[in-house]
Amino acid sequence: MSMAVTDADFENVVIKSSIPVLVDFWAPWCGPCRGVAPIVDELSQEYEGKVLVCKVNVDENFKVPSQFGIRAIPTLILFKDGEVVDQITGAVAKSVLAGMIAKAL
């Protein structure tokens, strides 16, 4: 399962991670977010130990989404070595997200 991350622990969990991190910016009321959630959870299991998968609830955390210019959700950002390497906004197919992850491995 993916891990919930907050403004308070984002830097320690995501930026300082030794492996790539896929971050799903979402909200409970967002239909497309709920649609992509099972795909994100599947990827979390498939890439366990190779990629960390996290979720940031934009209704509860304002600093990090603002810092990365999140204007629409779901937005998925892939970090490697603390840097943004790829970003997708909107509900997309699993193959698109898997391709995004493959670039960082």
C-alpha atoms as a PDB file:
ATOM      1  CA  MET A   1       0.000   0.000   0.000  1.00  0.00           C
ATOM      2  CA  SER A   2       1.049   3.558  -0.548  1.00  0.00           C
ATOM      3  CA  MET A   3       2.157   5.668   2.384  1.00  0.00           C
ATOM      4  CA  ALA A   4       0.444   8.886   3.531  1.00  0.00           C
ATOM      5  CA  VAL A   5       2.859  11.822   3.662  1.00  0.00           C
ATOM      6  CA  THR A   6       2.237  15.256   5.187  1.00  0.00           C
ATOM      7  CA  ASP A   7       3.807  18.688   4.887  1.00  0.00           C
ATOM      8  CA  ALA A   8       5.720  17.884   8.098  1.00  0.00           C
ATOM      9  CA  ASP A   9       7.423  14.694   6.888  1.00  0.00           C
ATOM     10  CA  PHE A  10       7.594  15.256   3.109  1.00  0.00           C
ATOM     11  CA  GLU A  11      11.253  16.275   3.074  1.00  0.00           C
ATOM     12  CA  ASN A  12      12.419  13.337   5.199  1.00  0.00           C
ATOM     13  CA  VAL A  13      10.308  10.744   3.378  1.00  0.00           C
ATOM     14  CA  VAL A  14      10.398  11.972  -0.239  1.00  0.00           C
ATOM     15  CA  ILE A  15      13.269  14.396  -0.787  1.00  0.00           C
ATOM     16  CA  LYS A  16      15.804  12.415   1.262  1.00  0.00           C
ATOM     17  CA  SER A  17      14.751   8.993  -0.057  1.00  0.00           C
ATOM     18  CA  SER A  18      17.523   6.755  -1.391  1.00  0.00           C
ATOM     19  CA  ILE A  19      15.114   5.264  -3.964  1.00  0.00           C
ATOM     20  CA  PRO A  20      12.756   6.965  -6.460  1.00  0.00           C
ATOM     21  CA  VAL A  21       9.448   8.177  -4.994  1.00  0.00           C
ATOM     22  CA  LEU A  22       6.101   8.447  -6.782  1.00  0.00           C
ATOM     23  CA  VAL A  23       3.868  10.986  -5.022  1.00  0.00           C
ATOM     24  CA  ASP A  24       0.122  11.055  -5.672  1.00  0.00           C
ATOM     25  CA  PHE A  25      -1.425  14.441  -4.826  1.00  0.00           C
ATOM     26  CA  TRP A  26      -5.122  13.745  -4.241  1.00  0.00           C
ATOM     27  CA  ALA A  27      -8.280  14.571  -2.260  1.00  0.00           C
ATOM     28  CA  PRO A  28     -11.084  12.314  -0.975  1.00  0.00           C
ATOM     29  CA  TRP A  29     -13.785  14.182  -2.942  1.00  0.00           C
ATOM     30  CA  CYS A  30     -11.930  13.864  -6.274  1.00  0.00           C
ATOM     31  CA  GLY A  31     -13.491  11.222  -8.552  1.00  0.00           C
ATOM     32  CA  PRO A  32     -10.464  10.825 -10.859  1.00  0.00           C
ATOM     33  CA  CYS A  33      -8.256  10.542  -7.751  1.00  0.00           C
ATOM     34  CA  ARG A  34     -10.359   7.641  -6.495  1.00  0.00           C
ATOM     35  CA  GLY A  35     -10.177   6.113  -9.974  1.00  0.00           C
ATOM     36  CA  VAL A  36      -6.385   6.161 -10.115  1.00  0.00           C
ATOM     37  CA  ALA A  37      -5.905   5.081  -6.460  1.00  0.00           C
ATOM     38  CA  PRO A  38      -6.134   1.306  -7.120  1.00  0.00           C
ATOM     39  CA  ILE A  39      -3.546   1.647  -9.896  1.00  0.00           C
ATOM     40  CA  VAL A  40      -1.220   3.580  -7.603  1.00  0.00           C
ATOM     41  CA  ASP A  41      -1.646   0.889  -4.919  1.00  0.00           C
ATOM     42  CA  GLU A  42      -0.877  -1.873  -7.463  1.00  0.00           C
ATOM     43  CA  LEU A  43       2.294  -0.066  -8.523  1.00  0.00           C
ATOM     44  CA  SER A  44       3.250   0.298  -4.866  1.00  0.00           C
ATOM     45  CA  GLN A  45       3.147  -3.486  -4.494  1.00  0.00           C
ATOM     46  CA  GLU A  46       4.813  -4.246  -7.840  1.00  0.00           C
ATOM     47  CA  TYR A  47       7.747  -1.902  -7.217  1.00  0.00           C
ATOM     48  CA  GLU A  48       8.086  -2.556  -3.484  1.00  0.00           C
ATOM     49  CA  GLY A  49      11.685  -1.995  -2.424  1.00  0.00           C
ATOM     50  CA  LYS A  50      12.528  -0.251  -5.725  1.00  0.00           C
ATOM     51  CA  VAL A  51      10.153   2.722  -5.641  1.00  0.00           C
ATOM     52  CA  LEU A  52       8.403   4.313  -2.668  1.00  0.00           C
ATOM     53  CA  VAL A  53       4.800   5.291  -3.393  1.00  0.00           C
ATOM     54  CA  CYS A  54       3.283   8.091  -1.302  1.00  0.00           C
ATOM     55  CA  LYS A  55       0.044  10.059  -1.194  1.00  0.00           C
ATOM     56  CA  VAL A  56      -0.405  13.686  -0.165  1.00  0.00           C
ATOM     57  CA  ASN A  57      -3.959  14.771   0.686  1.00  0.00           C
ATOM     58  CA  VAL A  58      -4.151  18.321  -0.686  1.00  0.00           C
ATOM     59  CA  ASP A  59      -7.088  19.176   1.596  1.00  0.00           C
ATOM     60  CA  GLU A  60      -4.984  18.508   4.699  1.00  0.00           C
ATOM     61  CA  ASN A  61      -1.582  19.676   3.417  1.00  0.00           C
ATOM     62  CA  PHE A  62      -1.101  23.034   1.724  1.00  0.00           C
ATOM     63  CA  LYS A  63       2.635  23.719   1.817  1.00  0.00           C
ATOM     64  CA  VAL A  64       3.949  20.881  -0.360  1.00  0.00           C
ATOM     65  CA  PRO A  65       1.265  21.105  -3.088  1.00  0.00           C
ATOM     66  CA  SER A  66       1.869  24.860  -3.258  1.00  0.00           C
ATOM     67  CA  GLN A  67       5.635  24.359  -3.384  1.00  0.00           C
ATOM     68  CA  PHE A  68       5.294  22.094  -6.440  1.00  0.00           C
ATOM     69  CA  GLY A  69       2.611  24.172  -8.175  1.00  0.00           C
ATOM     70  CA  ILE A  70      -0.181  21.602  -7.892  1.00  0.00           C
ATOM     71  CA  ARG A  71      -3.212  23.213  -9.520  1.00  0.00           C
ATOM     72  CA  ALA A  72      -5.217  20.108 -10.506  1.00  0.00           C
ATOM     73  CA  ILE A  73      -5.590  16.658  -9.036  1.00  0.00           C
ATOM     74  CA  PRO A  74      -4.724  13.910  -9.337  1.00  0.00           C
ATOM     75  CA  THR A  75      -1.164  14.990 -10.021  1.00  0.00           C
ATOM     76  CA  LEU A  76       1.538  12.344  -9.789  1.00  0.00           C
ATOM     77  CA  ILE A  77       5.146  13.468  -9.455  1.00  0.00           C
ATOM     78  CA  LEU A  78       8.148  11.178  -9.627  1.00  0.00           C
ATOM     79  CA  PHE A  79      11.162  12.204  -7.557  1.00  0.00           C
ATOM     80  CA  LYS A  80      14.672  10.797  -7.807  1.00  0.00           C
ATOM     81  CA  ASP A  81      17.515  12.003  -5.595  1.00  0.00           C
ATOM     82  CA  GLY A  82      15.213  14.743  -4.284  1.00  0.00           C
ATOM     83  CA  GLU A  83      14.520  16.176  -7.749  1.00  0.00           C
ATOM     84  CA  VAL A  84      11.360  16.080  -9.882  1.00  0.00           C
ATOM     85  CA  VAL A  85      12.025  13.806 -12.860  1.00  0.00           C
ATOM     86  CA  ASP A  86       8.505  13.472 -14.266  1.00  0.00           C
ATOM     87  CA  GLN A  87       4.963  14.683 -13.643  1.00  0.00           C
ATOM     88  CA  ILE A  88       1.507  13.691 -14.876  1.00  0.00           C
ATOM     89  CA  THR A  89      -1.809  15.389 -14.147  1.00  0.00           C
ATOM     90  CA  GLY A  90      -5.085  13.539 -14.461  1.00  0.00           C
ATOM     91  CA  ALA A  91      -6.155   9.924 -14.282  1.00  0.00           C
ATOM     92  CA  VAL A  92      -3.961   7.887 -16.608  1.00  0.00           C
ATOM     93  CA  ALA A  93      -3.533   4.220 -17.480  1.00  0.00           C
ATOM     94  CA  LYS A  94      -1.313   1.976 -15.405  1.00  0.00           C
ATOM     95  CA  SER A  95       1.040   1.557 -18.380  1.00  0.00           C
ATOM     96  CA  VAL A  96       1.667   5.317 -18.451  1.00  0.00           C
ATOM     97  CA  LEU A  97       2.616   5.384 -14.765  1.00  0.00           C
ATOM     98  CA  ALA A  98       4.720   2.216 -15.109  1.00  0.00           C
ATOM     99  CA  GLY A  99       6.591   3.846 -18.018  1.00  0.00           C
ATOM    100  CA  MET A 100       7.175   6.933 -15.922  1.00  0.00           C
ATOM    101  CA  ILE A 101       8.616   4.809 -13.111  1.00  0.00           C
ATOM    102  CA  ALA A 102      10.783   2.770 -15.504  1.00  0.00           C
ATOM    103  CA  LYS A 103      12.592   5.959 -16.577  1.00  0.00           C
ATOM    104  CA  ALA A 104      13.759   6.514 -12.994  1.00  0.00           C
ATOM    105  CA  LEU A 105      15.033   2.982 -12.362  1.00  0.00           C
END
